[in-house]
Amino acid sequence: MPDTPDTISDTTTDKRADTGADAIQDGAADTAAVDRIDAAIARIEAAITARARSSDSLAKRHAALKARMAEAVAALDDVITRGSPN
């Protein structure tokens, strides 16, 4: 009788015995995966903090530039006003 999926599954067994060593290896792999995920989360959080600081710095620089530009425009207005014949 030829092997069919039904007969193969009936005759095939898992060649690897489920030992305590396998469970330890699986647990170590799980721990390593969790450690990598934790490290990735820490890197993401650090990047978020750095970006927030950079954004705050940019906002402060923008506000300072805007204030200086307002002063420069006001000074130009004064110069134009004093020089006009009105």
C-alpha atoms as a PDB file:
ATOM      1  CA  MET A   1       0.000   0.000   0.000  1.00  0.00           C
ATOM      2  CA  PRO A   2       1.519   3.383  -0.969  1.00  0.00           C
ATOM      3  CA  ASP A   3       2.196   5.983   1.698  1.00  0.00           C
ATOM      4  CA  THR A   4      -0.506   8.623   1.794  1.00  0.00           C
ATOM      5  CA  PRO A   5      -0.803  11.516   4.200  1.00  0.00           C
ATOM      6  CA  ASP A   6      -3.040   9.367   6.408  1.00  0.00           C
ATOM      7  CA  THR A   7      -0.596   6.503   6.652  1.00  0.00           C
ATOM      8  CA  ILE A   8       2.438   8.757   7.029  1.00  0.00           C
ATOM      9  CA  SER A   9       0.974  10.578   9.989  1.00  0.00           C
ATOM     10  CA  ASP A  10       0.030   7.264  11.559  1.00  0.00           C
ATOM     11  CA  THR A  11       3.542   5.846  11.256  1.00  0.00           C
ATOM     12  CA  THR A  12       5.674   8.937  11.792  1.00  0.00           C
ATOM     13  CA  THR A  13       6.786   9.783  15.300  1.00  0.00           C
ATOM     14  CA  ASP A  14       8.791  12.661  16.626  1.00  0.00           C
ATOM     15  CA  LYS A  15      12.391  11.444  16.614  1.00  0.00           C
ATOM     16  CA  ARG A  16      13.426  14.057  19.202  1.00  0.00           C
ATOM     17  CA  ALA A  17      12.754  12.981  22.737  1.00  0.00           C
ATOM     18  CA  ASP A  18      11.286  15.666  24.947  1.00  0.00           C
ATOM     19  CA  THR A  19      13.999  15.978  27.559  1.00  0.00           C
ATOM     20  CA  GLY A  20      14.664  18.489  30.246  1.00  0.00           C
ATOM     21  CA  ALA A  21      17.600  19.790  28.203  1.00  0.00           C
ATOM     22  CA  ASP A  22      15.216  20.712  25.374  1.00  0.00           C
ATOM     23  CA  ALA A  23      13.001  22.598  27.807  1.00  0.00           C
ATOM     24  CA  ILE A  24      16.023  24.468  29.167  1.00  0.00           C
ATOM     25  CA  GLN A  25      17.148  25.391  25.648  1.00  0.00           C
ATOM     26  CA  ASP A  26      13.638  26.573  24.781  1.00  0.00           C
ATOM     27  CA  GLY A  27      13.532  28.608  27.998  1.00  0.00           C
ATOM     28  CA  ALA A  28      16.943  30.119  27.258  1.00  0.00           C
ATOM     29  CA  ALA A  29      15.803  31.019  23.744  1.00  0.00           C
ATOM     30  CA  ASP A  30      12.667  32.629  25.153  1.00  0.00           C
ATOM     31  CA  THR A  31      14.731  34.588  27.677  1.00  0.00           C
ATOM     32  CA  ALA A  32      17.136  35.735  24.970  1.00  0.00           C
ATOM     33  CA  ALA A  33      14.223  36.846  22.788  1.00  0.00           C
ATOM     34  CA  VAL A  34      12.669  38.779  25.665  1.00  0.00           C
ATOM     35  CA  ASP A  35      16.047  40.385  26.405  1.00  0.00           C
ATOM     36  CA  ARG A  36      16.369  41.482  22.757  1.00  0.00           C
ATOM     37  CA  ILE A  37      12.846  42.919  22.834  1.00  0.00           C
ATOM     38  CA  ASP A  38      13.599  44.784  26.080  1.00  0.00           C
ATOM     39  CA  ALA A  39      16.799  46.194  24.558  1.00  0.00           C
ATOM     40  CA  ALA A  40      14.887  47.301  21.454  1.00  0.00           C
ATOM     41  CA  ILE A  41      12.257  49.028  23.600  1.00  0.00           C
ATOM     42  CA  ALA A  42      15.019  50.819  25.535  1.00  0.00           C
ATOM     43  CA  ARG A  43      16.567  52.031  22.253  1.00  0.00           C
ATOM     44  CA  ILE A  44      13.181  53.251  21.014  1.00  0.00           C
ATOM     45  CA  GLU A  45      12.511  55.103  24.267  1.00  0.00           C
ATOM     46  CA  ALA A  46      15.966  56.717  24.115  1.00  0.00           C
ATOM     47  CA  ALA A  47      15.311  57.830  20.535  1.00  0.00           C
ATOM     48  CA  ILE A  48      11.946  59.309  21.537  1.00  0.00           C
ATOM     49  CA  THR A  49      13.585  61.251  24.388  1.00  0.00           C
ATOM     50  CA  ALA A  50      16.356  62.530  22.107  1.00  0.00           C
ATOM     51  CA  ARG A  51      13.847  63.610  19.474  1.00  0.00           C
ATOM     52  CA  ALA A  52      11.728  65.409  22.094  1.00  0.00           C
ATOM     53  CA  ARG A  53      14.814  67.286  23.343  1.00  0.00           C
ATOM     54  CA  SER A  54      15.759  68.171  19.783  1.00  0.00           C
ATOM     55  CA  SER A  55      12.231  69.361  19.087  1.00  0.00           C
ATOM     56  CA  ASP A  56      12.236  71.520  22.232  1.00  0.00           C
ATOM     57  CA  SER A  57      15.568  73.029  21.227  1.00  0.00           C
ATOM     58  CA  LEU A  58      14.287  73.748  17.733  1.00  0.00           C
ATOM     59  CA  ALA A  59      11.124  75.384  19.124  1.00  0.00           C
ATOM     60  CA  LYS A  60      13.234  77.653  21.372  1.00  0.00           C
ATOM     61  CA  ARG A  61      15.511  78.622  18.470  1.00  0.00           C
ATOM     62  CA  HIS A  62      12.474  79.326  16.297  1.00  0.00           C
ATOM     63  CA  ALA A  63      10.911  81.554  18.970  1.00  0.00           C
ATOM     64  CA  ALA A  64      14.170  83.497  19.385  1.00  0.00           C
ATOM     65  CA  LEU A  65      14.511  83.966  15.626  1.00  0.00           C
ATOM     66  CA  LYS A  66      10.890  85.070  15.340  1.00  0.00           C
ATOM     67  CA  ALA A  67      11.416  87.672  18.090  1.00  0.00           C
ATOM     68  CA  ARG A  68      14.573  89.008  16.431  1.00  0.00           C
ATOM     69  CA  MET A  69      12.790  89.202  13.080  1.00  0.00           C
ATOM     70  CA  ALA A  70       9.923  91.142  14.684  1.00  0.00           C
ATOM     71  CA  GLU A  71      12.464  93.588  16.168  1.00  0.00           C
ATOM     72  CA  ALA A  72      14.179  93.970  12.781  1.00  0.00           C
ATOM     73  CA  VAL A  73      10.880  94.615  10.990  1.00  0.00           C
ATOM     74  CA  ALA A  74       9.905  97.164  13.664  1.00  0.00           C
ATOM     75  CA  ALA A  75      13.268  98.915  13.254  1.00  0.00           C
ATOM     76  CA  LEU A  76      12.786  99.021   9.473  1.00  0.00           C
ATOM     77  CA  ASP A  77       9.309 100.451   9.967  1.00  0.00           C
ATOM     78  CA  ASP A  78      10.821 103.209  12.138  1.00  0.00           C
ATOM     79  CA  VAL A  79      13.425 103.997   9.491  1.00  0.00           C
ATOM     80  CA  ILE A  80      10.787 104.111   6.758  1.00  0.00           C
ATOM     81  CA  THR A  81       8.478 106.249   8.883  1.00  0.00           C
ATOM     82  CA  ARG A  82      11.234 108.801   9.695  1.00  0.00           C
ATOM     83  CA  GLY A  83      12.287 108.973   6.065  1.00  0.00           C
ATOM     84  CA  SER A  84       8.803 109.489   4.618  1.00  0.00           C
ATOM     85  CA  PRO A  85       7.675 113.072   3.799  1.00  0.00           C
ATOM     86  CA  ASN A  86       4.287 112.704   5.589  1.00  0.00           C
END
